[in-house]
Amino acid sequence: MVALVPAYKEVDSLQHVLDALNAQTRPPDRIVVTLDPHKEPARTAELERIGRGAGAEVRHSVGNRYKKAGNLNGALAELLPSLSEGDAILVQDADTYLDPRFIEVALAKLLEGHGAAGGNFRGRGGGGLCGAFQRNEFARYARDTARKRGKVLCLTGTACLFRAEALKDVLGARGNGELPAADGVYDTKVLTEDNELTLALKHRGWRVVAPAGATMTTEVMPTWRELARQRLRWKRGALENLFDYGLTRHTLEGWVRQLVALLGTAVSAFYLGALLWFLCSGAGVRIAPFWLLLSAFYAIERAITVNARGWRVAAASMLVLPEWCYDLFLQGVHLRALTETALRRERTW
């Protein structure tokens, strides 16, 4: 089994990443740190020093213009021909720390016949209130995935274990036109290469899963601006991936979720508009029992779904208004993603 870690500037985290890989209950047979040359050569040199010091092989990408996806394509082009169909490849970010049983749990799923096994991530500290909301969001996502027995729309790019056979199959299908064309395993033309690869695997008949026991921690976006930029890329990229694949049995749930998200945004906009109208018209606001009951239900749901983070976080989530404002923020980003997609504005990573 090979662990592939693409890195660019993660000097502060790479040592922890490699320590976590070496501490796995089933450690990888090889660890390859594949570097994109940084504009500051000293950073690249430091990453190489850290990688070699932890016993990893170090590869330098050449002529890559497509960031992480291009870096991975170059590394996989070198690795895949030497791997047998039964081999596995772990692809993980250079700022993600795997919990000790991640590989063991994910590998068990591959042995059951799955083409890929992702995981569930927790947000590390930092980011103030912005970071706290993200950690709540990640906890809810992990809970929802566990309830669905690991069924996911998208394999997380933070860390995922693939069967070499599955990646070879995707690469071959891209070459013969059975999948959208790309210059490697990862499609460098899209904003969300991990989501696109998930769709590619599903359309080739491979099962994918995110088992509850495959866990890790990752960084949260430290500011609202960076969070908005990240989520805009995620949401617009996922939408464009759906357009690329069209309506199929593997994209149906994704289309339904897009519709539900759009309806939720419309309902929120209507509610806010109505509230402002009443306030500005001088008619006043009378809170009906129905809305009090609905608010109480929302508060309880917020607390239950984040209970894994402790009772203090669960209690804070029952304040309703802060969580609702965070939802409005994400809905606003989703609306912008829809607008930019409809207007075909230039895509940026």
Protein backbone atom coordinates (compact mmCIF):
# COMPACT_ATOMS: atom_id res chain seq x y z
CA MET A 1 0.00 0.00 0.00
CA VAL A 2 1.28 3.44 -1.01
CA ALA A 3 0.46 6.74 0.72
CA LEU A 4 0.61 9.74 -1.59
CA VAL A 5 0.87 13.18 0.03
CA PRO A 6 0.82 16.19 -2.35
CA ALA A 7 2.41 19.23 -0.71
CA TYR A 8 3.04 22.83 -1.64
CA LYS A 9 3.44 25.05 1.42
CA GLU A 10 2.47 22.93 4.43
CA VAL A 11 5.74 23.29 6.32
CA ASP A 12 3.99 23.60 9.69
CA SER A 13 1.84 20.48 9.31
CA LEU A 14 3.75 17.97 7.17
CA GLN A 15 5.72 16.50 10.08
CA HIS A 16 2.48 15.78 11.98
CA VAL A 17 0.95 14.25 8.84
CA LEU A 18 3.87 11.85 8.37
CA ASP A 19 4.02 11.00 12.08
CA ALA A 20 0.31 10.08 11.95
CA LEU A 21 0.90 7.88 8.90
CA ASN A 22 3.79 6.06 10.58
CA ALA A 23 1.67 5.57 13.72
CA GLN A 24 -1.18 3.80 11.89
CA THR A 25 -2.25 0.37 13.17
CA ARG A 26 -1.69 -0.69 9.57
CA PRO A 27 1.03 1.67 8.31
CA PRO A 28 1.61 2.16 4.57
CA ASP A 29 4.39 0.20 2.89
CA ARG A 30 5.57 3.36 1.11
CA ILE A 31 5.00 7.04 1.73
CA VAL A 32 5.58 9.38 -1.20
CA VAL A 33 5.56 13.14 -0.63
CA THR A 34 5.06 14.75 -4.03
CA LEU A 35 6.10 18.39 -4.09
CA ASP A 36 4.97 21.26 -6.28
CA PRO A 37 7.86 23.76 -6.40
CA HIS A 38 6.94 26.79 -4.28
CA LYS A 39 7.74 30.33 -5.43
CA GLU A 40 9.91 30.43 -2.33
CA PRO A 41 12.51 27.66 -2.91
CA ALA A 42 13.30 27.54 0.80
CA ARG A 43 9.79 26.20 1.49
CA THR A 44 10.23 23.40 -1.01
CA ALA A 45 13.62 22.54 0.45
CA GLU A 46 12.15 22.44 3.98
CA LEU A 47 9.30 20.18 2.87
CA GLU A 48 11.82 17.83 1.28
CA ARG A 49 13.90 17.80 4.45
CA ILE A 50 10.85 16.96 6.56
CA GLY A 51 9.73 14.24 4.17
CA ARG A 52 13.09 12.49 3.98
CA GLY A 53 13.59 12.85 7.72
CA ALA A 54 10.34 10.93 8.31
CA GLY A 55 11.45 8.12 5.99
CA ALA A 56 9.27 9.14 3.04
CA GLU A 57 10.22 9.15 -0.60
CA VAL A 58 10.17 12.63 -2.13
CA ARG A 59 9.03 13.38 -5.68
CA HIS A 60 9.13 16.76 -7.42
CA SER A 61 6.41 17.59 -9.96
CA VAL A 62 7.62 18.95 -13.30
CA GLY A 63 5.74 21.44 -15.44
CA ASN A 64 2.54 21.19 -13.42
CA ARG A 65 0.04 24.01 -14.10
CA TYR A 66 -2.96 22.45 -12.35
CA LYS A 67 -2.14 22.62 -8.64
CA LYS A 68 -3.11 19.61 -6.50
CA ALA A 69 -4.92 17.68 -9.26
CA GLY A 70 -2.03 18.09 -11.69
CA ASN A 71 0.50 17.11 -9.03
CA LEU A 72 -1.46 13.94 -8.25
CA ASN A 73 -1.88 13.07 -11.92
CA GLY A 74 1.86 13.21 -12.44
CA ALA A 75 2.56 11.05 -9.39
CA LEU A 76 -0.15 8.50 -10.30
CA ALA A 77 1.15 8.25 -13.87
CA GLU A 78 4.45 7.07 -12.39
CA LEU A 79 2.98 4.84 -9.66
CA LEU A 80 0.01 3.05 -11.25
CA PRO A 81 1.92 1.01 -13.88
CA SER A 82 4.01 -0.63 -11.14
CA LEU A 83 1.02 -1.53 -8.92
CA SER A 84 -1.08 -4.68 -9.14
CA GLU A 85 -4.87 -4.61 -9.16
CA GLY A 86 -4.97 -5.65 -5.51
CA ASP A 87 -2.77 -2.78 -4.34
CA ALA A 88 -4.15 0.31 -2.63
CA ILE A 89 -3.25 3.99 -2.83
CA LEU A 90 -3.96 6.46 -0.04
CA VAL A 91 -4.25 10.06 -1.23
CA GLN A 92 -4.29 12.62 1.57
CA ASP A 93 -3.74 16.33 2.06
CA ALA A 94 -0.59 17.62 3.71
CA ASP A 95 -2.61 19.34 6.45
CA THR A 96 -4.75 16.33 7.47
CA TYR A 97 -3.88 14.14 10.47
CA LEU A 98 -5.22 10.58 10.29
CA ASP A 99 -6.46 8.90 13.44
CA PRO A 100 -4.53 5.65 14.16
CA ARG A 101 -7.10 3.21 12.70
CA PHE A 102 -7.92 5.11 9.50
CA ILE A 103 -6.01 2.86 7.10
CA GLU A 104 -7.04 -0.33 8.91
CA VAL A 105 -10.74 0.56 8.68
CA ALA A 106 -10.58 1.87 5.11
CA LEU A 107 -8.55 -1.12 3.88
CA ALA A 108 -11.15 -3.51 5.31
CA LYS A 109 -13.75 -1.85 3.06
CA LEU A 110 -11.54 -2.28 0.00
CA LEU A 111 -11.16 -5.97 0.86
CA GLU A 112 -14.97 -6.19 0.86
CA GLY A 113 -14.96 -5.03 -2.76
CA HIS A 114 -15.32 -1.25 -2.55
CA GLY A 115 -13.37 0.81 -5.06
CA ALA A 116 -12.61 3.58 -2.59
CA ALA A 117 -13.03 4.36 1.10
CA GLY A 118 -12.99 7.92 2.35
CA GLY A 119 -13.43 9.13 5.88
CA ASN A 120 -15.01 11.57 8.27
CA PHE A 121 -13.14 14.63 9.43
CA ARG A 122 -13.18 16.81 12.51
CA GLY A 123 -12.10 20.43 12.41
CA ARG A 124 -9.07 21.40 14.44
CA GLY A 125 -9.03 24.47 16.66
CA GLY A 126 -8.84 28.09 15.57
CA GLY A 127 -10.92 30.39 13.45
CA GLY A 128 -12.93 31.90 16.31
CA LEU A 129 -16.69 31.78 15.79
CA CYS A 130 -16.18 30.96 12.10
CA GLY A 131 -14.14 27.90 13.05
CA ALA A 132 -16.65 26.83 15.71
CA PHE A 133 -19.48 26.76 13.17
CA GLN A 134 -17.35 24.68 10.80
CA ARG A 135 -16.56 22.18 13.55
CA ASN A 136 -20.27 21.86 14.25
CA GLU A 137 -20.95 21.39 10.56
CA PHE A 138 -18.33 18.64 10.27
CA ALA A 139 -19.76 16.86 13.33
CA ARG A 140 -23.22 16.88 11.77
CA TYR A 141 -21.86 15.58 8.48
CA ALA A 142 -20.08 12.69 10.24
CA ARG A 143 -23.26 11.84 12.17
CA ASP A 144 -25.34 11.88 9.00
CA THR A 145 -22.80 9.68 7.17
CA ALA A 146 -22.78 7.17 10.04
CA ARG A 147 -26.61 7.01 9.98
CA LYS A 148 -26.43 6.21 6.27
CA ARG A 149 -23.82 3.48 6.88
CA GLY A 150 -21.11 5.36 5.07
CA LYS A 151 -23.07 6.29 1.95
CA VAL A 152 -21.76 9.60 0.58
CA LEU A 153 -22.21 11.77 -2.48
CA CYS A 154 -18.56 12.77 -2.50
CA LEU A 155 -15.38 11.14 -1.23
CA THR A 156 -13.50 13.73 0.76
CA GLY A 157 -10.26 14.95 -0.71
CA THR A 158 -8.72 15.28 2.75
CA ALA A 159 -7.91 11.54 2.76
CA CYS A 160 -9.17 8.61 0.73
CA LEU A 161 -7.96 5.06 0.08
CA PHE A 162 -8.38 3.77 -3.50
CA ARG A 163 -8.01 0.38 -5.13
CA ALA A 164 -5.32 0.68 -7.79
CA GLU A 165 -7.59 -1.36 -10.06
CA ALA A 166 -10.36 1.24 -9.72
CA LEU A 167 -8.06 4.15 -10.59
CA LYS A 168 -6.69 2.24 -13.60
CA ASP A 169 -10.27 1.57 -14.70
CA VAL A 170 -11.15 5.29 -14.49
CA LEU A 171 -8.02 6.22 -16.41
CA GLY A 172 -8.83 3.74 -19.18
CA ALA A 173 -12.47 4.88 -19.38
CA ARG A 174 -11.36 8.49 -19.77
CA GLY A 175 -9.13 7.47 -22.65
CA ASN A 176 -11.81 5.58 -24.59
CA GLY A 177 -14.57 8.15 -24.09
CA GLU A 178 -16.70 6.25 -21.56
CA LEU A 179 -16.05 9.03 -19.02
CA PRO A 180 -15.45 12.77 -19.46
CA ALA A 181 -12.00 13.29 -20.95
CA ALA A 182 -9.16 14.33 -18.65
CA ASP A 183 -5.39 14.33 -18.72
CA GLY A 184 -5.12 11.83 -15.89
CA VAL A 185 -7.06 10.16 -13.09
CA TYR A 186 -8.11 13.59 -11.79
CA ASP A 187 -9.90 16.05 -14.07
CA THR A 188 -7.88 19.25 -13.92
CA LYS A 189 -10.58 21.28 -15.74
CA VAL A 190 -13.04 21.16 -12.83
CA LEU A 191 -13.18 23.05 -9.54
CA THR A 192 -13.91 19.97 -7.42
CA GLU A 193 -11.73 17.13 -8.71
CA ASP A 194 -12.57 14.87 -5.75
CA ASN A 195 -16.30 15.11 -6.41
CA GLU A 196 -15.74 14.46 -10.11
CA LEU A 197 -13.61 11.40 -9.37
CA THR A 198 -16.34 10.08 -7.06
CA LEU A 199 -18.85 10.36 -9.92
CA ALA A 200 -16.39 8.70 -12.28
CA LEU A 201 -15.94 5.73 -9.93
CA LYS A 202 -19.68 5.34 -9.45
CA HIS A 203 -20.37 5.46 -13.18
CA ARG A 204 -17.78 2.70 -13.67
CA GLY A 205 -19.70 0.53 -11.21
CA TRP A 206 -17.37 0.89 -8.23
CA ARG A 207 -18.86 1.14 -4.77
CA VAL A 208 -17.57 3.93 -2.53
CA VAL A 209 -17.99 4.39 1.21
CA ALA A 210 -16.96 6.56 4.15
CA PRO A 211 -16.93 4.20 7.17
CA ALA A 212 -17.56 5.75 10.57
CA GLY A 213 -14.30 4.40 11.99
CA ALA A 214 -12.11 6.08 9.35
CA THR A 215 -11.56 9.43 11.03
CA MET A 216 -9.14 12.33 10.84
CA THR A 217 -8.69 15.99 11.70
CA THR A 218 -8.19 18.84 9.26
CA GLU A 219 -7.83 22.59 9.29
CA VAL A 220 -10.83 24.92 9.28
CA MET A 221 -10.96 28.12 7.28
CA PRO A 222 -9.75 30.84 9.69
CA THR A 223 -11.79 33.75 8.25
CA TRP A 224 -15.24 34.29 6.76
CA ARG A 225 -13.69 35.46 3.49
CA GLU A 226 -11.64 32.28 3.11
CA LEU A 227 -14.63 30.14 4.07
CA ALA A 228 -16.80 31.85 1.46
CA ARG A 229 -14.13 31.31 -1.18
CA GLN A 230 -13.76 27.62 -0.28
CA ARG A 231 -17.50 26.93 -0.25
CA LEU A 232 -18.09 28.84 -3.47
CA ARG A 233 -15.59 26.54 -5.16
CA TRP A 234 -17.18 23.44 -3.60
CA LYS A 235 -20.74 24.37 -4.44
CA ARG A 236 -20.09 25.66 -7.95
CA GLY A 237 -17.79 22.74 -8.70
CA ALA A 238 -20.36 20.17 -7.55
CA LEU A 239 -23.05 21.81 -9.66
CA GLU A 240 -20.87 21.87 -12.76
CA ASN A 241 -19.90 18.22 -12.20
CA LEU A 242 -23.61 17.35 -12.29
CA PHE A 243 -24.03 19.20 -15.59
CA ASP A 244 -21.03 17.34 -17.03
CA TYR A 245 -22.53 13.93 -16.15
CA GLY A 246 -26.17 14.80 -16.76
CA LEU A 247 -29.12 13.07 -15.09
CA THR A 248 -28.22 9.48 -14.24
CA ARG A 249 -29.01 7.14 -11.36
CA HIS A 250 -25.68 8.16 -9.83
CA THR A 251 -26.37 11.90 -10.07
CA LEU A 252 -30.06 11.88 -9.17
CA GLU A 253 -29.51 12.40 -5.44
CA GLY A 254 -27.10 15.25 -6.18
CA TRP A 255 -29.68 16.98 -8.37
CA VAL A 256 -32.34 16.53 -5.68
CA ARG A 257 -30.04 18.06 -3.07
CA GLN A 258 -29.38 21.01 -5.34
CA LEU A 259 -33.13 21.54 -5.67
CA VAL A 260 -33.68 21.26 -1.92
CA ALA A 261 -30.87 23.75 -1.28
CA LEU A 262 -32.42 26.17 -3.78
CA LEU A 263 -35.85 25.83 -2.15
CA GLY A 264 -34.31 26.38 1.28
CA THR A 265 -32.65 29.57 0.05
CA ALA A 266 -35.97 30.76 -1.41
CA VAL A 267 -37.82 30.08 1.86
CA SER A 268 -35.18 31.95 3.88
CA ALA A 269 -35.33 34.91 1.49
CA PHE A 270 -39.13 34.98 1.71
CA TYR A 271 -39.07 34.83 5.51
CA LEU A 272 -36.53 37.63 5.82
CA GLY A 273 -38.38 39.74 3.26
CA ALA A 274 -41.67 39.29 5.08
CA LEU A 275 -40.07 40.13 8.43
CA LEU A 276 -38.53 43.33 7.07
CA TRP A 277 -41.81 44.33 5.46
CA PHE A 278 -43.72 43.95 8.70
CA LEU A 279 -41.10 45.89 10.63
CA CYS A 280 -40.94 48.72 8.09
CA SER A 281 -44.71 48.93 7.61
CA GLY A 282 -45.32 49.54 11.31
CA ALA A 283 -47.74 46.61 11.47
CA GLY A 284 -45.58 44.95 14.08
CA VAL A 285 -44.73 41.29 14.39
CA ARG A 286 -46.91 38.75 16.11
CA ILE A 287 -45.21 35.43 16.72
CA ALA A 288 -47.72 32.64 16.15
CA PRO A 289 -47.52 29.44 18.23
CA PHE A 290 -46.61 27.51 15.07
CA TRP A 291 -43.39 29.48 14.62
CA LEU A 292 -42.49 29.09 18.30
CA LEU A 293 -42.97 25.33 17.97
CA LEU A 294 -40.90 25.25 14.79
CA SER A 295 -38.11 27.25 16.46
CA ALA A 296 -38.10 24.86 19.42
CA PHE A 297 -37.85 21.88 17.06
CA TYR A 298 -34.94 23.54 15.24
CA ALA A 299 -33.16 24.24 18.53
CA ILE A 300 -33.49 20.62 19.68
CA GLU A 301 -32.32 19.31 16.30
CA ARG A 302 -29.27 21.60 16.41
CA ALA A 303 -28.32 20.30 19.86
CA ILE A 304 -28.84 16.60 19.11
CA THR A 305 -26.92 16.62 15.84
CA VAL A 306 -23.83 18.22 17.41
CA ASN A 307 -23.96 16.30 20.69
CA ALA A 308 -20.75 14.44 19.84
CA ARG A 309 -18.85 17.68 20.52
CA GLY A 310 -20.01 17.86 24.13
CA TRP A 311 -22.89 19.31 26.10
CA ARG A 312 -21.56 22.88 26.15
CA VAL A 313 -21.46 23.04 22.35
CA ALA A 314 -24.88 21.38 22.16
CA ALA A 315 -26.33 23.92 24.61
CA ALA A 316 -24.84 26.84 22.66
CA SER A 317 -26.37 25.47 19.45
CA MET A 318 -29.83 25.81 21.00
CA LEU A 319 -29.55 29.61 20.85
CA VAL A 320 -30.88 29.14 17.27
CA LEU A 321 -30.04 32.59 15.90
CA PRO A 322 -26.26 32.11 15.51
CA GLU A 323 -26.73 28.74 13.79
CA TRP A 324 -29.44 30.20 11.57
CA CYS A 325 -27.17 33.08 10.55
CA TYR A 326 -24.47 30.55 9.59
CA ASP A 327 -27.02 28.68 7.46
CA LEU A 328 -27.96 31.95 5.78
CA PHE A 329 -24.29 32.59 5.06
CA LEU A 330 -23.95 29.20 3.35
CA GLN A 331 -27.20 29.74 1.45
CA GLY A 332 -25.88 33.05 0.19
CA VAL A 333 -22.73 31.33 -1.08
CA HIS A 334 -24.89 28.68 -2.77
CA LEU A 335 -26.96 31.36 -4.48
CA ARG A 336 -23.79 33.01 -5.74
CA ALA A 337 -22.56 29.66 -7.07
CA LEU A 338 -25.82 29.20 -8.98
CA THR A 339 -25.56 32.71 -10.39
CA GLU A 340 -21.95 32.33 -11.51
CA THR A 341 -22.75 28.98 -13.12
CA ALA A 342 -25.76 30.40 -14.97
CA LEU A 343 -23.75 33.40 -16.19
CA ARG A 344 -20.78 31.15 -17.06
CA ARG A 345 -18.35 33.38 -15.25
CA GLU A 346 -14.70 32.41 -15.32
CA ARG A 347 -13.90 29.70 -12.81
CA THR A 348 -11.10 30.21 -10.30
CA TRP A 349 -9.60 27.68 -7.90
